[in-house]
Amino acid sequence: MDNETIILLVGGFSVVFGAAAWVGLMAAPAWQSYGPLWQRLAGVFLSLYALAAFIVVGVGLGAAVIWFWDRLSV
């Protein structure tokens, strides 16, 4: 297996497990917390903001690791 295939597999598994974590930990509790359909949909929609925040933090930490990699790998 070459490096590009490994990178694509890691990225794919990250997306799948991240989506599963969002559904299990954020979307499902938001769905179950409300009664009417519109409130359930609004709760799931608002949980997307938390998902976006987690994505921004993860990309920022990844960028910091890449930026400081030469200082970290001693």
N, C-alpha and C. Protein backbone atom coordinates (compact mmCIF):
# COMPACT_ATOMS: atom_id res chain seq x y z
N MET A 1 0.84 -1.17 0.00
CA MET A 1 0.00 0.00 0.00
C MET A 1 0.89 1.24 0.00
N ASP A 2 0.59 2.16 -0.91
CA ASP A 2 1.40 3.37 -0.96
C ASP A 2 0.87 4.42 0.02
N ASN A 3 1.61 5.49 0.15
CA ASN A 3 1.27 6.53 1.15
C ASN A 3 -0.05 7.21 0.85
N GLU A 4 -0.34 7.43 -0.43
CA GLU A 4 -1.59 8.11 -0.78
C GLU A 4 -2.80 7.28 -0.40
N THR A 5 -2.73 5.97 -0.57
CA THR A 5 -3.83 5.10 -0.18
C THR A 5 -4.04 5.12 1.33
N ILE A 6 -2.96 5.12 2.07
CA ILE A 6 -3.06 5.17 3.54
C ILE A 6 -3.70 6.48 3.98
N ILE A 7 -3.30 7.60 3.36
CA ILE A 7 -3.87 8.90 3.70
C ILE A 7 -5.37 8.91 3.40
N LEU A 8 -5.77 8.36 2.26
CA LEU A 8 -7.19 8.33 1.91
C LEU A 8 -7.98 7.43 2.85
N LEU A 9 -7.41 6.31 3.26
CA LEU A 9 -8.09 5.42 4.21
C LEU A 9 -8.26 6.09 5.57
N VAL A 10 -7.22 6.75 6.05
CA VAL A 10 -7.31 7.44 7.34
C VAL A 10 -8.35 8.55 7.26
N GLY A 11 -8.35 9.31 6.19
CA GLY A 11 -9.34 10.37 6.03
C GLY A 11 -10.76 9.82 5.94
N GLY A 12 -10.93 8.75 5.21
CA GLY A 12 -12.25 8.13 5.09
C GLY A 12 -12.77 7.60 6.41
N PHE A 13 -11.91 6.89 7.15
CA PHE A 13 -12.33 6.38 8.45
C PHE A 13 -12.61 7.52 9.43
N SER A 14 -11.85 8.60 9.34
CA SER A 14 -12.10 9.75 10.20
C SER A 14 -13.47 10.35 9.94
N VAL A 15 -13.84 10.47 8.68
CA VAL A 15 -15.15 11.01 8.33
C VAL A 15 -16.26 10.09 8.81
N VAL A 16 -16.11 8.79 8.60
CA VAL A 16 -17.15 7.83 9.00
C VAL A 16 -17.31 7.82 10.51
N PHE A 17 -16.21 7.71 11.25
CA PHE A 17 -16.31 7.67 12.71
C PHE A 17 -16.74 9.02 13.28
N GLY A 18 -16.33 10.11 12.66
CA GLY A 18 -16.78 11.43 13.11
C GLY A 18 -18.28 11.61 12.91
N ALA A 19 -18.79 11.16 11.76
CA ALA A 19 -20.23 11.25 11.52
C ALA A 19 -21.00 10.36 12.48
N ALA A 20 -20.49 9.18 12.75
CA ALA A 20 -21.16 8.28 13.70
C ALA A 20 -21.15 8.89 15.10
N ALA A 21 -20.06 9.52 15.49
CA ALA A 21 -19.99 10.16 16.80
C ALA A 21 -20.97 11.32 16.88
N TRP A 22 -21.09 12.11 15.79
CA TRP A 22 -22.04 13.22 15.79
C TRP A 22 -23.47 12.71 15.92
N VAL A 23 -23.79 11.67 15.18
CA VAL A 23 -25.15 11.12 15.26
C VAL A 23 -25.43 10.57 16.65
N GLY A 24 -24.50 9.80 17.19
CA GLY A 24 -24.73 9.15 18.48
C GLY A 24 -24.66 10.07 19.68
N LEU A 25 -23.79 11.07 19.61
CA LEU A 25 -23.56 11.92 20.78
C LEU A 25 -24.26 13.27 20.73
N MET A 26 -24.64 13.73 19.53
CA MET A 26 -25.23 15.06 19.44
C MET A 26 -26.58 15.06 18.75
N ALA A 27 -26.70 14.43 17.60
CA ALA A 27 -27.95 14.51 16.84
C ALA A 27 -29.06 13.70 17.49
N ALA A 28 -28.77 12.48 17.92
CA ALA A 28 -29.81 11.65 18.53
C ALA A 28 -30.34 12.24 19.83
N PRO A 29 -29.48 12.73 20.74
CA PRO A 29 -30.03 13.38 21.94
C PRO A 29 -30.82 14.65 21.61
N ALA A 30 -30.38 15.42 20.61
CA ALA A 30 -31.13 16.61 20.22
C ALA A 30 -32.49 16.22 19.65
N TRP A 31 -32.55 15.14 18.90
CA TRP A 31 -33.80 14.66 18.33
C TRP A 31 -34.77 14.19 19.41
N GLN A 32 -34.24 13.51 20.41
CA GLN A 32 -35.09 12.94 21.46
C GLN A 32 -35.52 13.96 22.51
N SER A 33 -34.94 15.12 22.51
CA SER A 33 -35.23 16.10 23.56
C SER A 33 -36.51 16.89 23.31
N TYR A 34 -37.02 16.85 22.10
CA TYR A 34 -38.17 17.68 21.76
C TYR A 34 -39.31 16.82 21.25
N GLY A 35 -40.52 17.39 21.23
CA GLY A 35 -41.70 16.66 20.82
C GLY A 35 -42.10 16.91 19.37
N PRO A 36 -42.48 18.16 19.02
CA PRO A 36 -42.92 18.41 17.65
C PRO A 36 -41.77 18.25 16.64
N LEU A 37 -42.16 17.91 15.42
CA LEU A 37 -41.16 17.63 14.39
C LEU A 37 -40.28 18.84 14.11
N TRP A 38 -40.87 20.03 14.06
CA TRP A 38 -40.07 21.21 13.72
C TRP A 38 -39.04 21.50 14.80
N GLN A 39 -39.37 21.23 16.06
CA GLN A 39 -38.40 21.44 17.13
C GLN A 39 -37.30 20.40 17.07
N ARG A 40 -37.64 19.19 16.70
CA ARG A 40 -36.61 18.16 16.54
C ARG A 40 -35.65 18.51 15.42
N LEU A 41 -36.19 18.95 14.30
CA LEU A 41 -35.34 19.33 13.18
C LEU A 41 -34.47 20.55 13.53
N ALA A 42 -35.04 21.49 14.27
CA ALA A 42 -34.25 22.65 14.69
C ALA A 42 -33.13 22.24 15.64
N GLY A 43 -33.41 21.31 16.55
CA GLY A 43 -32.37 20.84 17.47
C GLY A 43 -31.23 20.15 16.74
N VAL A 44 -31.57 19.33 15.76
CA VAL A 44 -30.52 18.66 14.98
C VAL A 44 -29.75 19.68 14.15
N PHE A 45 -30.46 20.65 13.57
CA PHE A 45 -29.80 21.69 12.79
C PHE A 45 -28.83 22.49 13.66
N LEU A 46 -29.25 22.85 14.86
CA LEU A 46 -28.37 23.62 15.74
C LEU A 46 -27.18 22.80 16.23
N SER A 47 -27.32 21.48 16.27
CA SER A 47 -26.17 20.66 16.66
C SER A 47 -25.09 20.68 15.57
N LEU A 48 -25.48 21.07 14.36
CA LEU A 48 -24.48 21.21 13.30
C LEU A 48 -23.48 22.33 13.61
N TYR A 49 -23.93 23.34 14.37
CA TYR A 49 -23.01 24.41 14.78
C TYR A 49 -21.92 23.86 15.71
N ALA A 50 -22.32 22.98 16.61
CA ALA A 50 -21.32 22.36 17.49
C ALA A 50 -20.38 21.47 16.68
N LEU A 51 -20.93 20.75 15.70
CA LEU A 51 -20.09 19.93 14.82
C LEU A 51 -19.09 20.80 14.07
N ALA A 52 -19.56 21.93 13.55
CA ALA A 52 -18.66 22.84 12.83
C ALA A 52 -17.57 23.37 13.75
N ALA A 53 -17.91 23.65 15.00
CA ALA A 53 -16.90 24.12 15.95
C ALA A 53 -15.85 23.05 16.21
N PHE A 54 -16.29 21.80 16.36
CA PHE A 54 -15.32 20.71 16.54
C PHE A 54 -14.43 20.55 15.32
N ILE A 55 -14.99 20.71 14.14
CA ILE A 55 -14.19 20.59 12.91
C ILE A 55 -13.15 21.71 12.85
N VAL A 56 -13.55 22.93 13.18
CA VAL A 56 -12.62 24.07 13.15
C VAL A 56 -11.49 23.86 14.15
N VAL A 57 -11.82 23.40 15.35
CA VAL A 57 -10.79 23.14 16.36
C VAL A 57 -9.85 22.03 15.89
N GLY A 58 -10.40 20.98 15.32
CA GLY A 58 -9.57 19.87 14.83
C GLY A 58 -8.65 20.29 13.70
N VAL A 59 -9.16 21.07 12.77
CA VAL A 59 -8.32 21.55 11.67
C VAL A 59 -7.24 22.49 12.22
N GLY A 60 -7.61 23.32 13.18
CA GLY A 60 -6.62 24.22 13.78
C GLY A 60 -5.51 23.47 14.49
N LEU A 61 -5.88 22.46 15.26
CA LEU A 61 -4.85 21.66 15.94
C LEU A 61 -3.98 20.90 14.94
N GLY A 62 -4.61 20.37 13.89
CA GLY A 62 -3.83 19.69 12.86
C GLY A 62 -2.87 20.63 12.16
N ALA A 63 -3.34 21.84 11.87
CA ALA A 63 -2.46 22.83 11.24
C ALA A 63 -1.32 23.23 12.18
N ALA A 64 -1.61 23.31 13.48
CA ALA A 64 -0.54 23.65 14.43
C ALA A 64 0.51 22.54 14.49
N VAL A 65 0.07 21.30 14.45
CA VAL A 65 1.02 20.18 14.45
C VAL A 65 1.89 20.22 13.20
N ILE A 66 1.26 20.48 12.05
CA ILE A 66 2.04 20.55 10.80
C ILE A 66 3.00 21.74 10.85
N TRP A 67 2.55 22.88 11.35
CA TRP A 67 3.38 24.08 11.40
C TRP A 67 4.60 23.90 12.32
N PHE A 68 4.38 23.26 13.47
CA PHE A 68 5.45 23.11 14.45
C PHE A 68 6.10 21.72 14.41
N TRP A 69 5.92 20.96 13.34
CA TRP A 69 6.41 19.59 13.29
C TRP A 69 7.92 19.51 13.44
N ASP A 70 8.64 20.43 12.85
CA ASP A 70 10.10 20.39 12.93
C ASP A 70 10.58 20.66 14.36
N ARG A 71 9.82 21.38 15.14
CA ARG A 71 10.19 21.63 16.54
C ARG A 71 9.74 20.50 17.45
N LEU A 72 8.67 19.78 17.07
CA LEU A 72 8.14 18.72 17.90
C LEU A 72 8.92 17.41 17.75
N SER A 73 9.40 17.15 16.54
CA SER A 73 10.11 15.88 16.30
C SER A 73 11.60 16.08 16.55
N VAL A 74 11.99 15.89 17.79
CA VAL A 74 13.41 16.08 18.17
C VAL A 74 14.06 14.74 18.34
